[in-house]
Amino acid sequence: MVMYNKNPSEVVNKASLELKKEIKAPEWSVFVKTGVSRERPPEDPDWWYKRAASILRKIYMHGPIGVSKLKTKYGSKKNRGSKPEKFYKASGKIIRTILQQLEQQKLIETTAKGVHKGRIITPKGKSLLDKAGK
């Protein structure tokens, strides 16, 4: 219940510092855009860890959740010049890689709850986010 009362940006920033000790950003993360709708890669050098912390928080709040729903949550509108803007989903490769890294650290696990399949947070992941929320 702690997570629902806290400022999300503070929790994500603190959790990203903890995740930086546990996971490593791939070499290609320096060059990649976060989605089709973006023109350039992120300027923040620690964007990988912030995205991982944000995904961990989303799984905490909305789990079980899959890659497709996360792609939609992190997508945005693309500026198409004089044509109307159009919504595009975020990059699936980035989200899948982060989910795999979080699973290797035992922070999330794959499960099926009724008709809903996806990732849920483990007690280790909950404690990491709860510590970041304090």
N, C-alpha and C. Protein backbone atom coordinates (compact mmCIF):
# COMPACT_ATOMS: atom_id res chain seq x y z
N MET A 1 0.81 -1.20 0.00
CA MET A 1 0.00 0.00 0.00
C MET A 1 0.86 1.27 0.00
N VAL A 2 2.13 1.12 0.34
CA VAL A 2 3.01 2.28 0.41
C VAL A 2 3.15 2.95 -0.96
N MET A 3 3.19 2.14 -2.02
CA MET A 3 3.48 2.65 -3.35
C MET A 3 2.40 3.58 -3.87
N TYR A 4 1.15 3.36 -3.49
CA TYR A 4 0.05 4.13 -4.05
C TYR A 4 0.01 5.57 -3.54
N ASN A 5 0.67 5.85 -2.41
CA ASN A 5 0.62 7.18 -1.81
C ASN A 5 1.84 8.04 -2.16
N LYS A 6 2.83 7.49 -2.83
CA LYS A 6 4.09 8.18 -3.07
C LYS A 6 4.13 8.84 -4.44
N ASN A 7 5.00 9.84 -4.54
CA ASN A 7 5.23 10.52 -5.81
C ASN A 7 5.97 9.56 -6.76
N PRO A 8 5.40 9.22 -7.92
CA PRO A 8 6.02 8.23 -8.81
C PRO A 8 7.42 8.59 -9.26
N SER A 9 7.69 9.87 -9.56
CA SER A 9 9.02 10.24 -10.06
C SER A 9 10.08 10.05 -8.98
N GLU A 10 9.75 10.33 -7.72
CA GLU A 10 10.72 10.12 -6.64
C GLU A 10 11.03 8.64 -6.47
N VAL A 11 9.98 7.82 -6.50
CA VAL A 11 10.16 6.37 -6.34
C VAL A 11 11.01 5.82 -7.48
N VAL A 12 10.72 6.24 -8.70
CA VAL A 12 11.46 5.74 -9.87
C VAL A 12 12.92 6.17 -9.80
N ASN A 13 13.19 7.41 -9.42
CA ASN A 13 14.58 7.88 -9.34
C ASN A 13 15.37 7.12 -8.27
N LYS A 14 14.76 6.91 -7.11
CA LYS A 14 15.46 6.17 -6.04
C LYS A 14 15.64 4.70 -6.40
N ALA A 15 14.61 4.11 -7.00
CA ALA A 15 14.70 2.70 -7.39
C ALA A 15 15.72 2.51 -8.52
N SER A 16 15.86 3.50 -9.39
CA SER A 16 16.83 3.37 -10.49
C SER A 16 18.26 3.32 -9.96
N LEU A 17 18.51 4.03 -8.86
CA LEU A 17 19.85 3.97 -8.25
C LEU A 17 20.13 2.58 -7.71
N GLU A 18 19.11 1.94 -7.13
CA GLU A 18 19.27 0.58 -6.63
C GLU A 18 19.45 -0.41 -7.79
N LEU A 19 18.67 -0.23 -8.85
CA LEU A 19 18.75 -1.14 -9.99
C LEU A 19 20.08 -1.02 -10.73
N LYS A 20 20.70 0.15 -10.65
CA LYS A 20 21.98 0.37 -11.31
C LYS A 20 23.04 -0.58 -10.76
N LYS A 21 22.88 -0.96 -9.48
CA LYS A 21 23.83 -1.90 -8.85
C LYS A 21 23.57 -3.34 -9.31
N GLU A 22 22.33 -3.64 -9.73
CA GLU A 22 21.95 -5.02 -10.02
C GLU A 22 21.95 -5.36 -11.50
N ILE A 23 21.51 -4.44 -12.37
CA ILE A 23 21.45 -4.74 -13.80
C ILE A 23 22.42 -3.84 -14.57
N LYS A 24 22.72 -4.26 -15.80
CA LYS A 24 23.66 -3.51 -16.63
C LYS A 24 22.99 -3.18 -17.96
N ALA A 25 23.10 -1.93 -18.38
CA ALA A 25 22.53 -1.52 -19.66
C ALA A 25 23.33 -2.13 -20.80
N PRO A 26 22.67 -2.63 -21.85
CA PRO A 26 23.40 -3.19 -22.99
C PRO A 26 24.20 -2.11 -23.72
N GLU A 27 25.18 -2.55 -24.48
CA GLU A 27 26.04 -1.61 -25.21
C GLU A 27 25.25 -0.79 -26.22
N TRP A 28 24.22 -1.40 -26.83
CA TRP A 28 23.45 -0.71 -27.87
C TRP A 28 22.50 0.33 -27.31
N SER A 29 22.33 0.40 -26.00
CA SER A 29 21.37 1.34 -25.41
C SER A 29 21.79 2.80 -25.60
N VAL A 30 23.03 3.04 -25.94
CA VAL A 30 23.53 4.40 -26.16
C VAL A 30 22.97 4.97 -27.47
N PHE A 31 22.72 4.09 -28.44
CA PHE A 31 22.37 4.53 -29.79
C PHE A 31 20.89 4.43 -30.11
N VAL A 32 20.11 3.69 -29.32
CA VAL A 32 18.76 3.33 -29.70
C VAL A 32 17.73 4.38 -29.27
N LYS A 33 16.70 4.55 -30.12
CA LYS A 33 15.56 5.40 -29.75
C LYS A 33 14.60 4.56 -28.92
N THR A 34 13.75 5.21 -28.12
CA THR A 34 12.82 4.46 -27.28
C THR A 34 11.53 4.12 -28.01
N GLY A 35 11.36 4.59 -29.23
CA GLY A 35 10.18 4.25 -30.00
C GLY A 35 10.20 4.92 -31.36
N VAL A 36 9.26 4.54 -32.21
CA VAL A 36 9.16 5.09 -33.57
C VAL A 36 8.86 6.58 -33.52
N SER A 37 8.13 6.99 -32.50
CA SER A 37 7.68 8.38 -32.42
C SER A 37 8.79 9.35 -32.00
N ARG A 38 9.92 8.84 -31.61
CA ARG A 38 11.03 9.69 -31.16
C ARG A 38 11.96 10.02 -32.31
N GLU A 39 12.58 11.21 -32.22
CA GLU A 39 13.52 11.59 -33.26
C GLU A 39 14.96 11.24 -32.90
N ARG A 40 15.25 11.23 -31.59
CA ARG A 40 16.62 10.97 -31.13
C ARG A 40 16.63 10.05 -29.92
N PRO A 41 17.80 9.46 -29.62
CA PRO A 41 17.92 8.66 -28.39
C PRO A 41 17.80 9.56 -27.15
N PRO A 42 17.49 9.00 -25.99
CA PRO A 42 17.40 9.81 -24.78
C PRO A 42 18.73 10.48 -24.44
N GLU A 43 18.67 11.69 -23.89
CA GLU A 43 19.89 12.41 -23.53
C GLU A 43 20.44 11.99 -22.18
N ASP A 44 19.58 11.51 -21.28
CA ASP A 44 19.99 11.09 -19.95
C ASP A 44 20.81 9.81 -20.05
N PRO A 45 22.05 9.80 -19.53
CA PRO A 45 22.87 8.59 -19.62
C PRO A 45 22.31 7.42 -18.79
N ASP A 46 21.49 7.70 -17.77
CA ASP A 46 20.92 6.65 -16.92
C ASP A 46 19.49 6.31 -17.30
N TRP A 47 19.09 6.60 -18.53
CA TRP A 47 17.70 6.38 -18.92
C TRP A 47 17.31 4.92 -18.84
N TRP A 48 18.24 4.00 -19.08
CA TRP A 48 17.92 2.56 -19.04
C TRP A 48 17.43 2.14 -17.65
N TYR A 49 18.12 2.63 -16.62
CA TYR A 49 17.78 2.24 -15.25
C TYR A 49 16.47 2.90 -14.80
N LYS A 50 16.23 4.12 -15.28
CA LYS A 50 14.97 4.79 -14.95
C LYS A 50 13.80 4.08 -15.64
N ARG A 51 13.98 3.64 -16.88
CA ARG A 51 12.92 2.90 -17.56
C ARG A 51 12.68 1.56 -16.86
N ALA A 52 13.76 0.90 -16.42
CA ALA A 52 13.62 -0.38 -15.72
C ALA A 52 12.86 -0.19 -14.40
N ALA A 53 13.18 0.87 -13.67
CA ALA A 53 12.48 1.15 -12.41
C ALA A 53 11.02 1.49 -12.68
N SER A 54 10.77 2.23 -13.75
CA SER A 54 9.41 2.59 -14.10
C SER A 54 8.59 1.36 -14.49
N ILE A 55 9.20 0.45 -15.24
CA ILE A 55 8.53 -0.79 -15.62
C ILE A 55 8.24 -1.63 -14.38
N LEU A 56 9.21 -1.70 -13.47
CA LEU A 56 9.02 -2.44 -12.22
C LEU A 56 7.84 -1.87 -11.43
N ARG A 57 7.73 -0.55 -11.38
CA ARG A 57 6.62 0.10 -10.68
C ARG A 57 5.29 -0.19 -11.37
N LYS A 58 5.28 -0.16 -12.71
CA LYS A 58 4.05 -0.46 -13.45
C LYS A 58 3.59 -1.90 -13.17
N ILE A 59 4.54 -2.84 -13.10
CA ILE A 59 4.20 -4.23 -12.81
C ILE A 59 3.64 -4.33 -11.39
N TYR A 60 4.23 -3.60 -10.45
CA TYR A 60 3.74 -3.56 -9.07
C TYR A 60 2.29 -3.09 -9.05
N MET A 61 1.98 -2.01 -9.77
CA MET A 61 0.66 -1.40 -9.71
C MET A 61 -0.39 -2.18 -10.53
N HIS A 62 -0.01 -2.70 -11.71
CA HIS A 62 -1.00 -3.24 -12.65
C HIS A 62 -0.84 -4.72 -12.97
N GLY A 63 0.10 -5.43 -12.32
CA GLY A 63 0.40 -6.81 -12.69
C GLY A 63 -0.78 -7.74 -12.51
N PRO A 64 -0.89 -8.85 -13.23
CA PRO A 64 0.03 -9.28 -14.29
C PRO A 64 -0.14 -8.43 -15.57
N ILE A 65 0.98 -8.07 -16.13
CA ILE A 65 0.99 -7.19 -17.31
C ILE A 65 2.05 -7.71 -18.29
N GLY A 66 1.75 -7.60 -19.58
CA GLY A 66 2.64 -8.13 -20.61
C GLY A 66 3.33 -7.04 -21.41
N VAL A 67 4.12 -7.48 -22.37
CA VAL A 67 4.92 -6.58 -23.19
C VAL A 67 4.04 -5.64 -24.01
N SER A 68 2.96 -6.16 -24.56
CA SER A 68 2.10 -5.34 -25.43
C SER A 68 1.49 -4.17 -24.67
N LYS A 69 0.99 -4.41 -23.46
CA LYS A 69 0.42 -3.33 -22.65
C LYS A 69 1.49 -2.31 -22.26
N LEU A 70 2.70 -2.79 -21.96
CA LEU A 70 3.78 -1.87 -21.60
C LEU A 70 4.20 -1.04 -22.81
N LYS A 71 4.21 -1.64 -24.01
CA LYS A 71 4.51 -0.88 -25.23
C LYS A 71 3.52 0.25 -25.41
N THR A 72 2.25 -0.02 -25.13
CA THR A 72 1.21 1.01 -25.25
C THR A 72 1.41 2.10 -24.21
N LYS A 73 1.74 1.72 -22.97
CA LYS A 73 1.91 2.70 -21.89
C LYS A 73 3.09 3.65 -22.16
N TYR A 74 4.15 3.13 -22.78
CA TYR A 74 5.33 3.96 -23.03
C TYR A 74 5.35 4.58 -24.43
N GLY A 75 4.32 4.34 -25.23
CA GLY A 75 4.23 4.92 -26.55
C GLY A 75 3.87 6.40 -26.48
N SER A 76 3.92 7.07 -27.63
CA SER A 76 3.58 8.49 -27.67
C SER A 76 3.20 8.88 -29.09
N LYS A 77 2.78 10.13 -29.24
CA LYS A 77 2.39 10.62 -30.56
C LYS A 77 3.62 11.07 -31.34
N LYS A 78 3.59 10.81 -32.64
CA LYS A 78 4.68 11.22 -33.51
C LYS A 78 4.30 12.49 -34.25
N ASN A 79 5.23 13.44 -34.28
CA ASN A 79 5.05 14.66 -35.05
C ASN A 79 5.31 14.31 -36.52
N ARG A 80 4.28 14.42 -37.35
CA ARG A 80 4.40 14.04 -38.76
C ARG A 80 4.35 15.25 -39.67
N GLY A 81 4.83 16.37 -39.20
CA GLY A 81 4.84 17.57 -40.02
C GLY A 81 3.46 18.16 -40.16
N SER A 82 3.00 18.38 -41.39
CA SER A 82 1.70 19.00 -41.61
C SER A 82 0.55 17.99 -41.46
N LYS A 83 0.88 16.70 -41.46
CA LYS A 83 -0.16 15.67 -41.25
C LYS A 83 -0.52 15.62 -39.77
N PRO A 84 -1.70 15.11 -39.44
CA PRO A 84 -2.08 15.00 -38.03
C PRO A 84 -1.16 14.02 -37.28
N GLU A 85 -0.99 14.28 -35.99
CA GLU A 85 -0.17 13.38 -35.18
C GLU A 85 -0.84 12.03 -35.08
N LYS A 86 -0.03 10.99 -34.90
CA LYS A 86 -0.54 9.63 -34.80
C LYS A 86 0.17 8.92 -33.66
N PHE A 87 -0.56 8.10 -32.89
CA PHE A 87 0.03 7.38 -31.77
C PHE A 87 0.81 6.17 -32.27
N TYR A 88 2.02 6.00 -31.73
CA TYR A 88 2.84 4.83 -32.02
C TYR A 88 3.27 4.20 -30.71
N LYS A 89 3.34 2.87 -30.69
CA LYS A 89 3.78 2.16 -29.50
C LYS A 89 5.29 2.32 -29.33
N ALA A 90 5.76 2.04 -28.11
CA ALA A 90 7.19 2.13 -27.80
C ALA A 90 7.91 0.88 -28.32
N SER A 91 9.22 0.88 -28.21
CA SER A 91 10.05 -0.22 -28.68
C SER A 91 9.86 -1.46 -27.80
N GLY A 92 9.55 -2.58 -28.44
CA GLY A 92 9.37 -3.83 -27.70
C GLY A 92 10.68 -4.46 -27.28
N LYS A 93 11.73 -4.27 -28.05
CA LYS A 93 13.03 -4.85 -27.74
C LYS A 93 13.54 -4.33 -26.40
N ILE A 94 13.41 -3.02 -26.18
CA ILE A 94 13.87 -2.42 -24.92
C ILE A 94 13.08 -3.01 -23.76
N ILE A 95 11.77 -3.07 -23.89
CA ILE A 95 10.92 -3.56 -22.80
C ILE A 95 11.19 -5.03 -22.53
N ARG A 96 11.31 -5.86 -23.58
CA ARG A 96 11.60 -7.28 -23.39
C ARG A 96 12.94 -7.49 -22.70
N THR A 97 13.95 -6.75 -23.12
CA THR A 97 15.28 -6.89 -22.53
C THR A 97 15.26 -6.51 -21.05
N ILE A 98 14.57 -5.43 -20.71
CA ILE A 98 14.47 -5.01 -19.31
C ILE A 98 13.72 -6.06 -18.50
N LEU A 99 12.63 -6.60 -19.05
CA LEU A 99 11.89 -7.64 -18.34
C LEU A 99 12.75 -8.87 -18.10
N GLN A 100 13.56 -9.25 -19.07
CA GLN A 100 14.46 -10.39 -18.91
C GLN A 100 15.49 -10.12 -17.82
N GLN A 101 16.03 -8.89 -17.79
CA GLN A 101 17.01 -8.54 -16.76
C GLN A 101 16.37 -8.57 -15.37
N LEU A 102 15.15 -8.06 -15.25
CA LEU A 102 14.45 -8.05 -13.97
C LEU A 102 14.11 -9.47 -13.52
N GLU A 103 13.80 -10.35 -14.48
CA GLU A 103 13.53 -11.75 -14.14
C GLU A 103 14.80 -12.45 -13.68
N GLN A 104 15.93 -12.16 -14.29
CA GLN A 104 17.20 -12.76 -13.87
C GLN A 104 17.56 -12.37 -12.44
N GLN A 105 17.19 -11.15 -12.04
CA GLN A 105 17.46 -10.68 -10.69
C GLN A 105 16.37 -11.10 -9.70
N LYS A 106 15.39 -11.88 -10.19
CA LYS A 106 14.29 -12.39 -9.36
C LYS A 106 13.43 -11.27 -8.77
N LEU A 107 13.28 -10.16 -9.50
CA LEU A 107 12.43 -9.06 -9.07
C LEU A 107 11.01 -9.22 -9.60
N ILE A 108 10.85 -9.94 -10.73
CA ILE A 108 9.53 -10.22 -11.30
C ILE A 108 9.51 -11.68 -11.73
N GLU A 109 8.31 -12.19 -11.97
CA GLU A 109 8.17 -13.55 -12.49
C GLU A 109 6.97 -13.61 -13.43
N THR A 110 7.01 -14.61 -14.34
CA THR A 110 5.91 -14.80 -15.29
C THR A 110 4.83 -15.64 -14.63
N THR A 111 3.58 -15.28 -14.86
CA THR A 111 2.47 -16.02 -14.26
C THR A 111 1.22 -15.86 -15.11
N ALA A 112 0.21 -16.66 -14.80
CA ALA A 112 -1.11 -16.53 -15.42
C ALA A 112 -2.13 -16.49 -14.29
N LYS A 113 -2.90 -15.42 -14.25
CA LYS A 113 -3.95 -15.25 -13.24
C LYS A 113 -5.28 -15.22 -13.98
N GLY A 114 -5.95 -16.37 -14.05
CA GLY A 114 -7.17 -16.46 -14.84
C GLY A 114 -6.85 -16.33 -16.32
N VAL A 115 -7.49 -15.38 -16.99
CA VAL A 115 -7.21 -15.16 -18.41
C VAL A 115 -6.06 -14.19 -18.61
N HIS A 116 -5.57 -13.56 -17.54
CA HIS A 116 -4.50 -12.59 -17.66
C HIS A 116 -3.15 -13.27 -17.51
N LYS A 117 -2.30 -13.14 -18.55
CA LYS A 117 -0.95 -13.66 -18.48
C LYS A 117 0.01 -12.48 -18.45
N GLY A 118 1.15 -12.66 -17.83
CA GLY A 118 2.15 -11.60 -17.83
C GLY A 118 3.08 -11.70 -16.64
N ARG A 119 3.73 -10.58 -16.35
CA ARG A 119 4.69 -10.52 -15.25
C ARG A 119 4.01 -9.97 -14.00
N ILE A 120 4.39 -10.53 -12.85
CA ILE A 120 3.99 -9.97 -11.56
C ILE A 120 5.26 -9.74 -10.74
N ILE A 121 5.14 -8.92 -9.73
CA ILE A 121 6.30 -8.57 -8.91
C ILE A 121 6.49 -9.63 -7.82
N THR A 122 7.73 -9.93 -7.48
CA THR A 122 8.06 -10.87 -6.41
C THR A 122 8.24 -10.10 -5.11
N PRO A 123 8.30 -10.79 -3.99
CA PRO A 123 8.54 -10.10 -2.71
C PRO A 123 9.86 -9.30 -2.71
N LYS A 124 10.89 -9.81 -3.40
CA LYS A 124 12.16 -9.08 -3.49
C LYS A 124 11.97 -7.76 -4.24
N GLY A 125 11.20 -7.78 -5.32
CA GLY A 125 10.93 -6.56 -6.08
C GLY A 125 10.08 -5.59 -5.29
N LYS A 126 9.10 -6.11 -4.53
CA LYS A 126 8.26 -5.25 -3.70
C LYS A 126 9.09 -4.53 -2.65
N SER A 127 10.01 -5.26 -2.01
CA SER A 127 10.83 -4.64 -0.96
C SER A 127 11.74 -3.58 -1.55
N LEU A 128 12.27 -3.81 -2.76
CA LEU A 128 13.13 -2.80 -3.41
C LEU A 128 12.33 -1.51 -3.64
N LEU A 129 11.12 -1.63 -4.15
CA LEU A 129 10.30 -0.44 -4.41
C LEU A 129 9.81 0.21 -3.11
N ASP A 130 9.49 -0.60 -2.11
CA ASP A 130 9.04 -0.03 -0.83
C ASP A 130 10.16 0.75 -0.16
N LYS A 131 11.39 0.25 -0.25
CA LYS A 131 12.54 0.99 0.31
C LYS A 131 12.74 2.31 -0.43
N ALA A 132 12.56 2.26 -1.76
CA ALA A 132 12.71 3.49 -2.57
C ALA A 132 11.60 4.48 -2.27
N GLY A 133 10.44 3.98 -1.83
CA GLY A 133 9.31 4.85 -1.54
C GLY A 133 9.38 5.53 -0.19
N LYS A 134 10.29 5.10 0.64
CA LYS A 134 10.39 5.71 1.99
C LYS A 134 11.15 6.99 1.99
